[in-house]
């Protein structure tokens, strides 16, 4: 069983830092370290890990402009900071670089959903649905995509559609609990 812990993040950061020491121009190592810092910044802001993550993702993008993960993680950081227009532009760039990527569709979906909910922009919420659907098709077992879409259907008063999306998720939760 894989568990995300403070220590596992620290270990991941140590490995990514070591990879950069060994190969300072390896873009994937920079984006990996950047993503770990951006994720960690959601739990602990001491020493400003998000800024460090952004620096590494920008370095990755400079080293390899075709690396989709760099703008996608920059989008994630921008939406966390409430810079939604920038976040959406970065997520769209990442999705264009990796049109068949699960993370590309997931990042674009969540960025648009957060944009819409934070700014009262229903159009952005609606735009998120296509990306949530694509991500769900790529990873049918992930409960987060149908839950997000069900929330949108509920907000729109389409309770039957929400129910249809949530029933399989509830069944999985019941199965895992037994």
N, C-alpha and C. Protein backbone atom coordinates (compact mmCIF):
# COMPACT_ATOMS: atom_id res chain seq x y z
N UNK A 1 0.84 -1.17 0.00
CA UNK A 1 0.00 0.00 0.00
C UNK A 1 0.89 1.24 0.00
N UNK A 2 0.67 2.12 -0.94
CA UNK A 2 1.44 3.35 -1.07
C UNK A 2 0.77 4.44 -0.25
N UNK A 3 1.54 5.11 0.59
CA UNK A 3 1.02 6.22 1.37
C UNK A 3 1.90 7.45 1.15
N UNK A 4 1.24 8.57 0.99
CA UNK A 4 1.95 9.83 0.87
C UNK A 4 2.12 10.38 2.28
N UNK A 5 3.37 10.57 2.67
CA UNK A 5 3.67 11.08 4.00
C UNK A 5 4.66 12.23 3.87
N UNK A 6 4.84 12.96 4.95
CA UNK A 6 5.84 14.02 4.96
C UNK A 6 7.20 13.44 4.62
N UNK A 7 7.51 12.29 5.21
CA UNK A 7 8.82 11.68 4.95
C UNK A 7 8.96 11.23 3.49
N UNK A 8 7.89 10.69 2.90
CA UNK A 8 7.99 10.27 1.50
C UNK A 8 8.22 11.47 0.58
N UNK A 9 7.63 12.61 0.92
CA UNK A 9 7.88 13.83 0.13
C UNK A 9 9.33 14.28 0.31
N UNK A 10 9.79 14.27 1.53
CA UNK A 10 11.19 14.66 1.77
C UNK A 10 12.15 13.75 1.00
N UNK A 11 11.84 12.46 1.01
CA UNK A 11 12.68 11.51 0.28
C UNK A 11 12.63 11.78 -1.22
N UNK A 12 11.45 12.03 -1.73
CA UNK A 12 11.31 12.35 -3.15
C UNK A 12 12.08 13.60 -3.52
N UNK A 13 12.00 14.60 -2.66
CA UNK A 13 12.74 15.84 -2.90
C UNK A 13 14.24 15.57 -2.88
N UNK A 14 14.71 14.76 -1.94
CA UNK A 14 16.15 14.43 -1.90
C UNK A 14 16.59 13.73 -3.19
N UNK A 15 15.79 12.77 -3.66
CA UNK A 15 16.14 12.05 -4.90
C UNK A 15 16.16 13.00 -6.10
N UNK A 16 15.15 13.86 -6.19
CA UNK A 16 15.10 14.80 -7.33
C UNK A 16 16.25 15.79 -7.27
N UNK A 17 16.59 16.27 -6.08
CA UNK A 17 17.74 17.18 -5.94
C UNK A 17 19.03 16.47 -6.36
N UNK A 18 19.15 15.23 -5.99
CA UNK A 18 20.35 14.45 -6.36
C UNK A 18 20.39 14.25 -7.88
N UNK A 19 19.25 13.99 -8.47
CA UNK A 19 19.20 13.83 -9.94
C UNK A 19 19.66 15.12 -10.62
N UNK A 20 19.26 16.26 -10.09
CA UNK A 20 19.68 17.54 -10.68
C UNK A 20 21.18 17.75 -10.49
N UNK A 21 21.71 17.33 -9.34
CA UNK A 21 23.16 17.43 -9.13
C UNK A 21 23.91 16.60 -10.16
N UNK A 22 23.38 15.42 -10.46
CA UNK A 22 24.05 14.53 -11.41
C UNK A 22 23.85 14.96 -12.85
N UNK A 23 22.70 15.55 -13.16
CA UNK A 23 22.40 15.97 -14.53
C UNK A 23 21.63 17.29 -14.49
N UNK A 24 22.35 18.41 -14.32
CA UNK A 24 21.70 19.71 -14.12
C UNK A 24 20.83 20.19 -15.29
N UNK A 25 21.01 19.61 -16.46
CA UNK A 25 20.20 20.05 -17.60
C UNK A 25 19.09 19.06 -17.95
N UNK A 26 18.82 18.12 -17.06
CA UNK A 26 17.76 17.13 -17.29
C UNK A 26 16.43 17.72 -16.86
N UNK A 27 15.63 18.12 -17.83
CA UNK A 27 14.38 18.83 -17.58
C UNK A 27 13.42 18.04 -16.71
N UNK A 28 13.34 16.74 -16.92
CA UNK A 28 12.39 15.92 -16.15
C UNK A 28 12.71 15.94 -14.66
N UNK A 29 13.98 16.03 -14.30
CA UNK A 29 14.34 16.10 -12.89
C UNK A 29 13.87 17.43 -12.29
N UNK A 30 14.01 18.50 -13.06
CA UNK A 30 13.56 19.82 -12.58
C UNK A 30 12.05 19.85 -12.39
N UNK A 31 11.30 19.31 -13.35
CA UNK A 31 9.84 19.35 -13.22
C UNK A 31 9.38 18.42 -12.10
N UNK A 32 10.10 17.32 -11.89
CA UNK A 32 9.75 16.43 -10.78
C UNK A 32 9.95 17.14 -9.45
N UNK A 33 11.09 17.77 -9.29
CA UNK A 33 11.35 18.51 -8.05
C UNK A 33 10.36 19.66 -7.90
N UNK A 34 10.10 20.35 -8.99
CA UNK A 34 9.13 21.45 -8.95
C UNK A 34 7.75 20.99 -8.52
N UNK A 35 7.32 19.86 -9.06
CA UNK A 35 5.97 19.36 -8.72
C UNK A 35 5.90 18.96 -7.25
N UNK A 36 6.97 18.36 -6.73
CA UNK A 36 6.99 17.99 -5.31
C UNK A 36 6.90 19.23 -4.42
N UNK A 37 7.62 20.27 -4.77
CA UNK A 37 7.55 21.51 -3.99
C UNK A 37 6.15 22.14 -4.08
N UNK A 38 5.56 22.13 -5.27
CA UNK A 38 4.23 22.72 -5.43
C UNK A 38 3.20 21.95 -4.63
N UNK A 39 3.26 20.64 -4.67
CA UNK A 39 2.33 19.83 -3.86
C UNK A 39 2.57 20.08 -2.38
N UNK A 40 3.82 20.08 -1.97
CA UNK A 40 4.14 20.29 -0.55
C UNK A 40 3.67 21.66 -0.07
N UNK A 41 3.66 22.64 -0.96
CA UNK A 41 3.26 24.00 -0.58
C UNK A 41 1.80 24.09 -0.16
N UNK A 42 1.02 23.10 -0.52
CA UNK A 42 -0.39 23.11 -0.14
C UNK A 42 -0.58 22.73 1.32
N UNK A 43 0.44 22.11 1.91
CA UNK A 43 0.36 21.68 3.31
C UNK A 43 1.25 22.52 4.22
N UNK A 44 2.34 23.05 3.69
CA UNK A 44 3.30 23.77 4.53
C UNK A 44 3.94 24.88 3.70
N UNK A 45 3.76 26.11 4.14
CA UNK A 45 4.29 27.25 3.39
C UNK A 45 5.65 27.72 3.90
N UNK A 46 6.16 27.08 4.96
CA UNK A 46 7.48 27.46 5.50
C UNK A 46 8.53 27.34 4.40
N UNK A 47 9.36 28.32 4.30
CA UNK A 47 10.46 28.37 3.32
C UNK A 47 9.95 28.48 1.88
N UNK A 48 8.69 28.83 1.70
CA UNK A 48 8.09 29.11 0.39
C UNK A 48 8.37 28.04 -0.66
N UNK A 49 7.92 26.80 -0.42
CA UNK A 49 8.20 25.74 -1.39
C UNK A 49 7.55 25.98 -2.75
N UNK A 50 6.43 26.70 -2.78
CA UNK A 50 5.78 26.93 -4.09
C UNK A 50 6.69 27.75 -5.00
N UNK A 51 7.32 28.77 -4.46
CA UNK A 51 8.23 29.59 -5.27
C UNK A 51 9.39 28.74 -5.79
N UNK A 52 9.89 27.85 -4.94
CA UNK A 52 10.98 26.96 -5.37
C UNK A 52 10.48 26.03 -6.47
N UNK A 53 9.25 25.53 -6.32
CA UNK A 53 8.67 24.66 -7.34
C UNK A 53 8.50 25.37 -8.66
N UNK A 54 8.03 26.60 -8.60
CA UNK A 54 7.84 27.39 -9.82
C UNK A 54 9.18 27.60 -10.52
N UNK A 55 10.22 27.91 -9.75
CA UNK A 55 11.56 28.09 -10.34
C UNK A 55 12.01 26.85 -11.09
N UNK A 56 11.83 25.69 -10.48
CA UNK A 56 12.27 24.44 -11.13
C UNK A 56 11.42 24.12 -12.35
N UNK A 57 10.13 24.39 -12.30
CA UNK A 57 9.28 24.13 -13.47
C UNK A 57 9.62 25.08 -14.61
N UNK A 58 9.92 26.32 -14.29
CA UNK A 58 10.35 27.27 -15.33
C UNK A 58 11.68 26.83 -15.93
N UNK A 59 12.56 26.33 -15.10
CA UNK A 59 13.86 25.83 -15.61
C UNK A 59 13.62 24.64 -16.53
N UNK A 60 12.71 23.74 -16.14
CA UNK A 60 12.39 22.58 -16.98
C UNK A 60 11.83 23.04 -18.33
N UNK A 61 10.94 24.04 -18.30
CA UNK A 61 10.35 24.55 -19.55
C UNK A 61 11.42 25.18 -20.44
N UNK A 62 12.38 25.85 -19.84
CA UNK A 62 13.46 26.44 -20.63
C UNK A 62 14.36 25.36 -21.24
N UNK A 63 14.60 24.30 -20.48
CA UNK A 63 15.45 23.21 -20.97
C UNK A 63 14.76 22.39 -22.05
N UNK A 64 13.45 22.19 -21.90
CA UNK A 64 12.70 21.37 -22.86
C UNK A 64 11.32 21.99 -23.08
N UNK A 65 11.20 22.89 -24.05
CA UNK A 65 9.93 23.56 -24.30
C UNK A 65 8.77 22.63 -24.69
N UNK A 66 9.08 21.38 -25.04
CA UNK A 66 8.04 20.42 -25.43
C UNK A 66 7.58 19.55 -24.25
N UNK A 67 8.13 19.75 -23.08
CA UNK A 67 7.79 18.97 -21.90
C UNK A 67 6.47 19.50 -21.32
N UNK A 68 5.40 18.77 -21.52
CA UNK A 68 4.06 19.22 -21.11
C UNK A 68 3.93 19.41 -19.61
N UNK A 69 4.61 18.60 -18.83
CA UNK A 69 4.46 18.69 -17.37
C UNK A 69 4.89 20.05 -16.82
N UNK A 70 5.82 20.72 -17.45
CA UNK A 70 6.29 22.01 -16.93
C UNK A 70 5.16 23.04 -16.92
N UNK A 71 4.50 23.34 -18.04
CA UNK A 71 3.41 24.31 -17.96
C UNK A 71 2.22 23.80 -17.15
N UNK A 72 2.02 22.49 -17.11
CA UNK A 72 0.90 21.96 -16.31
C UNK A 72 1.12 22.19 -14.82
N UNK A 73 2.34 21.96 -14.34
CA UNK A 73 2.62 22.23 -12.92
C UNK A 73 2.65 23.73 -12.65
N UNK A 74 3.11 24.51 -13.60
CA UNK A 74 3.04 25.97 -13.43
C UNK A 74 1.58 26.43 -13.37
N UNK A 75 0.72 25.77 -14.14
CA UNK A 75 -0.72 26.07 -14.09
C UNK A 75 -1.28 25.75 -12.71
N UNK A 76 -0.87 24.60 -12.18
CA UNK A 76 -1.36 24.20 -10.86
C UNK A 76 -0.96 25.25 -9.81
N UNK A 77 0.29 25.69 -9.87
CA UNK A 77 0.77 26.70 -8.92
C UNK A 77 0.01 28.02 -9.10
N UNK A 78 -0.20 28.42 -10.34
CA UNK A 78 -0.90 29.68 -10.61
C UNK A 78 -2.34 29.64 -10.09
N UNK A 79 -3.02 28.51 -10.28
CA UNK A 79 -4.40 28.46 -9.78
C UNK A 79 -4.43 28.42 -8.26
N UNK A 80 -3.43 27.82 -7.62
CA UNK A 80 -3.35 27.85 -6.16
C UNK A 80 -3.18 29.28 -5.65
N UNK A 81 -2.49 30.10 -6.44
CA UNK A 81 -2.27 31.50 -6.07
C UNK A 81 -3.39 32.42 -6.55
N UNK A 82 -4.44 31.85 -7.17
CA UNK A 82 -5.57 32.66 -7.62
C UNK A 82 -5.33 33.41 -8.91
N UNK A 83 -4.30 33.04 -9.64
CA UNK A 83 -4.02 33.66 -10.94
C UNK A 83 -4.64 32.77 -12.02
N UNK A 84 -5.96 32.85 -12.13
CA UNK A 84 -6.71 31.87 -12.92
C UNK A 84 -6.54 32.03 -14.43
N UNK A 85 -6.46 33.26 -14.91
CA UNK A 85 -6.27 33.44 -16.35
C UNK A 85 -4.94 32.86 -16.79
N UNK A 86 -3.89 33.15 -16.01
CA UNK A 86 -2.56 32.60 -16.29
C UNK A 86 -2.58 31.08 -16.18
N UNK A 87 -3.25 30.57 -15.15
CA UNK A 87 -3.32 29.13 -14.94
C UNK A 87 -4.00 28.44 -16.12
N UNK A 88 -5.10 29.01 -16.59
CA UNK A 88 -5.80 28.40 -17.72
C UNK A 88 -4.93 28.41 -18.98
N UNK A 89 -4.25 29.52 -19.24
CA UNK A 89 -3.37 29.60 -20.42
C UNK A 89 -2.26 28.55 -20.35
N UNK A 90 -1.67 28.38 -19.16
CA UNK A 90 -0.61 27.38 -18.99
C UNK A 90 -1.17 25.96 -19.14
N UNK A 91 -2.35 25.71 -18.57
CA UNK A 91 -2.95 24.38 -18.69
C UNK A 91 -3.30 24.07 -20.14
N UNK A 92 -3.79 25.06 -20.86
CA UNK A 92 -4.09 24.85 -22.28
C UNK A 92 -2.81 24.54 -23.06
N UNK A 93 -1.72 25.22 -22.72
CA UNK A 93 -0.44 24.94 -23.39
C UNK A 93 0.00 23.51 -23.09
N UNK A 94 -0.09 23.10 -21.83
CA UNK A 94 0.29 21.73 -21.47
C UNK A 94 -0.57 20.70 -22.17
N UNK A 95 -1.87 20.97 -22.26
CA UNK A 95 -2.78 20.04 -22.94
C UNK A 95 -2.48 19.98 -24.44
N UNK A 96 -2.07 21.11 -25.02
CA UNK A 96 -1.70 21.10 -26.45
C UNK A 96 -0.43 20.28 -26.67
N UNK A 97 0.49 20.34 -25.71
CA UNK A 97 1.73 19.57 -25.83
C UNK A 97 1.51 18.07 -25.61
N UNK A 98 0.50 17.73 -24.82
CA UNK A 98 0.22 16.32 -24.51
C UNK A 98 -1.29 16.07 -24.59
N UNK A 99 -1.85 16.09 -25.81
CA UNK A 99 -3.30 15.99 -25.94
C UNK A 99 -3.90 14.67 -25.47
N UNK A 100 -3.08 13.65 -25.32
CA UNK A 100 -3.58 12.35 -24.86
C UNK A 100 -3.17 12.06 -23.42
N UNK A 101 -2.68 13.08 -22.71
CA UNK A 101 -2.18 12.87 -21.36
C UNK A 101 -3.23 13.04 -20.28
N UNK A 102 -3.26 12.09 -19.37
CA UNK A 102 -4.20 12.15 -18.25
C UNK A 102 -3.97 13.40 -17.41
N UNK A 103 -2.71 13.68 -17.07
CA UNK A 103 -2.44 14.86 -16.24
C UNK A 103 -2.83 16.14 -16.97
N UNK A 104 -2.65 16.18 -18.28
CA UNK A 104 -3.01 17.37 -19.05
C UNK A 104 -4.51 17.67 -18.91
N UNK A 105 -5.33 16.65 -19.09
CA UNK A 105 -6.77 16.87 -19.00
C UNK A 105 -7.21 17.11 -17.56
N UNK A 106 -6.60 16.42 -16.64
CA UNK A 106 -6.94 16.61 -15.23
C UNK A 106 -6.58 18.03 -14.77
N UNK A 107 -5.37 18.48 -15.10
CA UNK A 107 -4.94 19.83 -14.71
C UNK A 107 -5.83 20.90 -15.33
N UNK A 108 -6.16 20.74 -16.60
CA UNK A 108 -7.03 21.71 -17.26
C UNK A 108 -8.42 21.71 -16.63
N UNK A 109 -8.94 20.52 -16.34
CA UNK A 109 -10.27 20.42 -15.73
C UNK A 109 -10.31 21.11 -14.37
N UNK A 110 -9.37 20.77 -13.50
CA UNK A 110 -9.37 21.36 -12.15
C UNK A 110 -9.09 22.85 -12.19
N UNK A 111 -8.21 23.29 -13.08
CA UNK A 111 -7.91 24.72 -13.20
C UNK A 111 -9.17 25.49 -13.59
N UNK A 112 -9.89 24.98 -14.59
CA UNK A 112 -11.11 25.67 -15.02
C UNK A 112 -12.20 25.62 -13.95
N UNK A 113 -12.31 24.50 -13.27
CA UNK A 113 -13.32 24.40 -12.22
C UNK A 113 -13.01 25.39 -11.10
N UNK A 114 -11.76 25.43 -10.64
CA UNK A 114 -11.39 26.38 -9.58
C UNK A 114 -11.60 27.81 -10.04
N UNK A 115 -11.24 28.11 -11.28
CA UNK A 115 -11.44 29.43 -11.87
C UNK A 115 -12.92 29.80 -11.79
N UNK A 116 -13.76 28.90 -12.27
CA UNK A 116 -15.20 29.19 -12.30
C UNK A 116 -15.79 29.37 -10.92
N UNK A 117 -15.44 28.51 -9.99
CA UNK A 117 -16.01 28.59 -8.64
C UNK A 117 -15.50 29.82 -7.89
N UNK A 118 -14.21 30.13 -8.05
CA UNK A 118 -13.63 31.25 -7.32
C UNK A 118 -14.11 32.60 -7.85
N UNK A 119 -14.35 32.67 -9.15
CA UNK A 119 -14.72 33.95 -9.77
C UNK A 119 -16.18 34.04 -10.18
N UNK A 120 -16.96 33.02 -9.83
CA UNK A 120 -18.37 33.03 -10.23
C UNK A 120 -18.55 32.97 -11.74
N UNK A 121 -17.67 32.23 -12.38
CA UNK A 121 -17.70 32.10 -13.85
C UNK A 121 -18.23 30.72 -14.20
N UNK A 122 -19.54 30.61 -14.35
CA UNK A 122 -20.17 29.33 -14.67
C UNK A 122 -19.64 28.78 -15.99
N UNK A 123 -19.31 29.67 -16.95
CA UNK A 123 -18.79 29.22 -18.24
C UNK A 123 -17.50 28.42 -18.07
N UNK A 124 -16.65 28.80 -17.12
CA UNK A 124 -15.42 28.06 -16.87
C UNK A 124 -15.73 26.69 -16.26
N UNK A 125 -16.72 26.65 -15.38
CA UNK A 125 -17.13 25.36 -14.80
C UNK A 125 -17.61 24.42 -15.90
N UNK A 126 -18.41 24.94 -16.80
CA UNK A 126 -18.93 24.13 -17.91
C UNK A 126 -17.77 23.67 -18.80
N UNK A 127 -16.82 24.56 -19.07
CA UNK A 127 -15.67 24.19 -19.91
C UNK A 127 -14.84 23.07 -19.26
N UNK A 128 -14.87 22.97 -17.95
CA UNK A 128 -14.08 21.94 -17.28
C UNK A 128 -14.62 20.53 -17.55
N UNK A 129 -15.89 20.43 -17.88
CA UNK A 129 -16.53 19.11 -18.00
C UNK A 129 -15.87 18.25 -19.07
N UNK A 130 -15.60 18.82 -20.24
CA UNK A 130 -14.97 18.03 -21.31
C UNK A 130 -13.66 17.41 -20.86
N UNK A 131 -12.85 18.18 -20.14
CA UNK A 131 -11.57 17.65 -19.67
C UNK A 131 -11.77 16.62 -18.57
N UNK A 132 -12.75 16.82 -17.69
CA UNK A 132 -13.04 15.81 -16.67
C UNK A 132 -13.48 14.50 -17.34
N UNK A 133 -14.31 14.60 -18.36
CA UNK A 133 -14.79 13.40 -19.06
C UNK A 133 -13.61 12.68 -19.73
N UNK A 134 -12.74 13.42 -20.40
CA UNK A 134 -11.57 12.80 -21.04
C UNK A 134 -10.68 12.12 -20.00
N UNK A 135 -10.45 12.79 -18.88
CA UNK A 135 -9.62 12.21 -17.82
C UNK A 135 -10.28 10.95 -17.26
N UNK A 136 -11.59 10.98 -17.10
CA UNK A 136 -12.31 9.80 -16.58
C UNK A 136 -12.20 8.63 -17.56
N UNK A 137 -12.27 8.91 -18.86
CA UNK A 137 -12.12 7.86 -19.86
C UNK A 137 -10.72 7.23 -19.78
N UNK A 138 -9.72 8.05 -19.50
CA UNK A 138 -8.35 7.56 -19.43
C UNK A 138 -8.09 6.78 -18.14
N UNK A 139 -8.78 7.17 -17.08
CA UNK A 139 -8.56 6.53 -15.78
C UNK A 139 -9.93 6.30 -15.13
N UNK A 140 -10.65 5.27 -15.60
CA UNK A 140 -12.03 5.06 -15.15
C UNK A 140 -12.18 4.80 -13.66
N UNK A 141 -11.15 4.33 -13.00
CA UNK A 141 -11.26 4.02 -11.58
C UNK A 141 -11.06 5.21 -10.66
N UNK A 142 -10.64 6.34 -11.18
CA UNK A 142 -10.39 7.51 -10.35
C UNK A 142 -11.72 8.15 -9.95
N UNK A 143 -12.03 8.21 -8.66
CA UNK A 143 -13.32 8.76 -8.23
C UNK A 143 -13.41 10.28 -8.28
N UNK A 144 -12.29 10.97 -8.40
CA UNK A 144 -12.31 12.43 -8.34
C UNK A 144 -13.01 13.06 -9.53
N UNK A 145 -12.84 12.49 -10.70
CA UNK A 145 -13.45 13.07 -11.89
C UNK A 145 -14.98 12.99 -11.84
N UNK A 146 -15.55 11.83 -11.57
CA UNK A 146 -17.02 11.80 -11.51
C UNK A 146 -17.58 12.63 -10.36
N UNK A 147 -16.86 12.73 -9.26
CA UNK A 147 -17.35 13.55 -8.15
C UNK A 147 -17.41 15.02 -8.56
N UNK A 148 -16.37 15.49 -9.24
CA UNK A 148 -16.37 16.88 -9.70
C UNK A 148 -17.50 17.14 -10.69
N UNK A 149 -17.67 16.23 -11.64
CA UNK A 149 -18.75 16.40 -12.62
C UNK A 149 -20.11 16.32 -11.94
N UNK A 150 -20.26 15.43 -10.98
CA UNK A 150 -21.53 15.31 -10.26
C UNK A 150 -21.84 16.60 -9.51
N UNK A 151 -20.81 17.24 -8.95
CA UNK A 151 -21.03 18.51 -8.27
C UNK A 151 -21.53 19.57 -9.25
N UNK A 152 -20.96 19.58 -10.45
CA UNK A 152 -21.42 20.54 -11.46
C UNK A 152 -22.87 20.26 -11.88
N UNK A 153 -23.19 18.99 -12.08
CA UNK A 153 -24.57 18.64 -12.41
C UNK A 153 -25.51 19.05 -11.29
N UNK A 154 -25.09 18.87 -10.05
CA UNK A 154 -25.93 19.24 -8.91
C UNK A 154 -26.16 20.74 -8.89
N UNK A 155 -25.10 21.52 -9.11
CA UNK A 155 -25.24 22.98 -9.15
C UNK A 155 -26.18 23.41 -10.27
N UNK A 156 -26.21 22.64 -11.35
CA UNK A 156 -27.09 22.95 -12.48
C UNK A 156 -28.50 22.38 -12.30
N UNK A 157 -28.73 21.70 -11.19
CA UNK A 157 -30.05 21.12 -10.94
C UNK A 157 -30.31 19.83 -11.70
N UNK A 158 -29.27 19.23 -12.24
CA UNK A 158 -29.41 17.98 -13.00
C UNK A 158 -29.06 16.81 -12.09
N UNK A 159 -29.95 16.56 -11.14
CA UNK A 159 -29.67 15.58 -10.09
C UNK A 159 -29.58 14.15 -10.61
N UNK A 160 -30.37 13.82 -11.64
CA UNK A 160 -30.31 12.47 -12.19
C UNK A 160 -28.92 12.18 -12.76
N UNK A 161 -28.37 13.15 -13.51
CA UNK A 161 -27.02 12.97 -14.07
C UNK A 161 -25.98 12.85 -12.96
N UNK A 162 -26.14 13.65 -11.91
CA UNK A 162 -25.21 13.58 -10.78
C UNK A 162 -25.29 12.21 -10.12
N UNK A 163 -26.49 11.73 -9.93
CA UNK A 163 -26.70 10.42 -9.29
C UNK A 163 -26.03 9.31 -10.10
N UNK A 164 -26.19 9.36 -11.42
CA UNK A 164 -25.61 8.33 -12.29
C UNK A 164 -24.08 8.31 -12.19
N UNK A 165 -23.48 9.47 -12.02
CA UNK A 165 -22.03 9.53 -11.88
C UNK A 165 -21.56 9.06 -10.51
N UNK A 166 -22.38 9.32 -9.48
CA UNK A 166 -21.95 9.01 -8.12
C UNK A 166 -22.20 7.57 -7.70
N UNK A 167 -23.19 6.91 -8.28
CA UNK A 167 -23.49 5.54 -7.86
C UNK A 167 -22.29 4.60 -7.98
N UNK A 168 -21.56 4.59 -9.08
CA UNK A 168 -20.39 3.71 -9.15
C UNK A 168 -19.31 4.06 -8.12
N UNK A 169 -19.16 5.34 -7.82
CA UNK A 169 -18.17 5.76 -6.82
C UNK A 169 -18.58 5.25 -5.45
N UNK A 170 -19.86 5.36 -5.13
CA UNK A 170 -20.36 4.87 -3.84
C UNK A 170 -20.19 3.36 -3.75
N UNK A 171 -20.44 2.67 -4.84
CA UNK A 171 -20.25 1.20 -4.85
C UNK A 171 -18.81 0.83 -4.58
N UNK A 172 -17.86 1.55 -5.16
CA UNK A 172 -16.44 1.27 -4.93
C UNK A 172 -16.10 1.53 -3.47
N UNK A 173 -16.61 2.62 -2.91
CA UNK A 173 -16.34 2.93 -1.50
C UNK A 173 -16.91 1.83 -0.60
N UNK A 174 -18.11 1.36 -0.90
CA UNK A 174 -18.71 0.29 -0.10
C UNK A 174 -17.87 -1.00 -0.20
N UNK A 175 -17.43 -1.30 -1.42
CA UNK A 175 -16.63 -2.52 -1.65
C UNK A 175 -15.31 -2.43 -0.89
N UNK A 176 -14.64 -1.27 -0.97
CA UNK A 176 -13.35 -1.12 -0.30
C UNK A 176 -13.50 -1.12 1.22
N UNK A 177 -14.64 -0.69 1.73
CA UNK A 177 -14.85 -0.63 3.17
C UNK A 177 -15.16 -2.01 3.75
N UNK A 178 -15.63 -2.91 2.91
CA UNK A 178 -16.01 -4.23 3.43
C UNK A 178 -14.85 -5.20 3.51
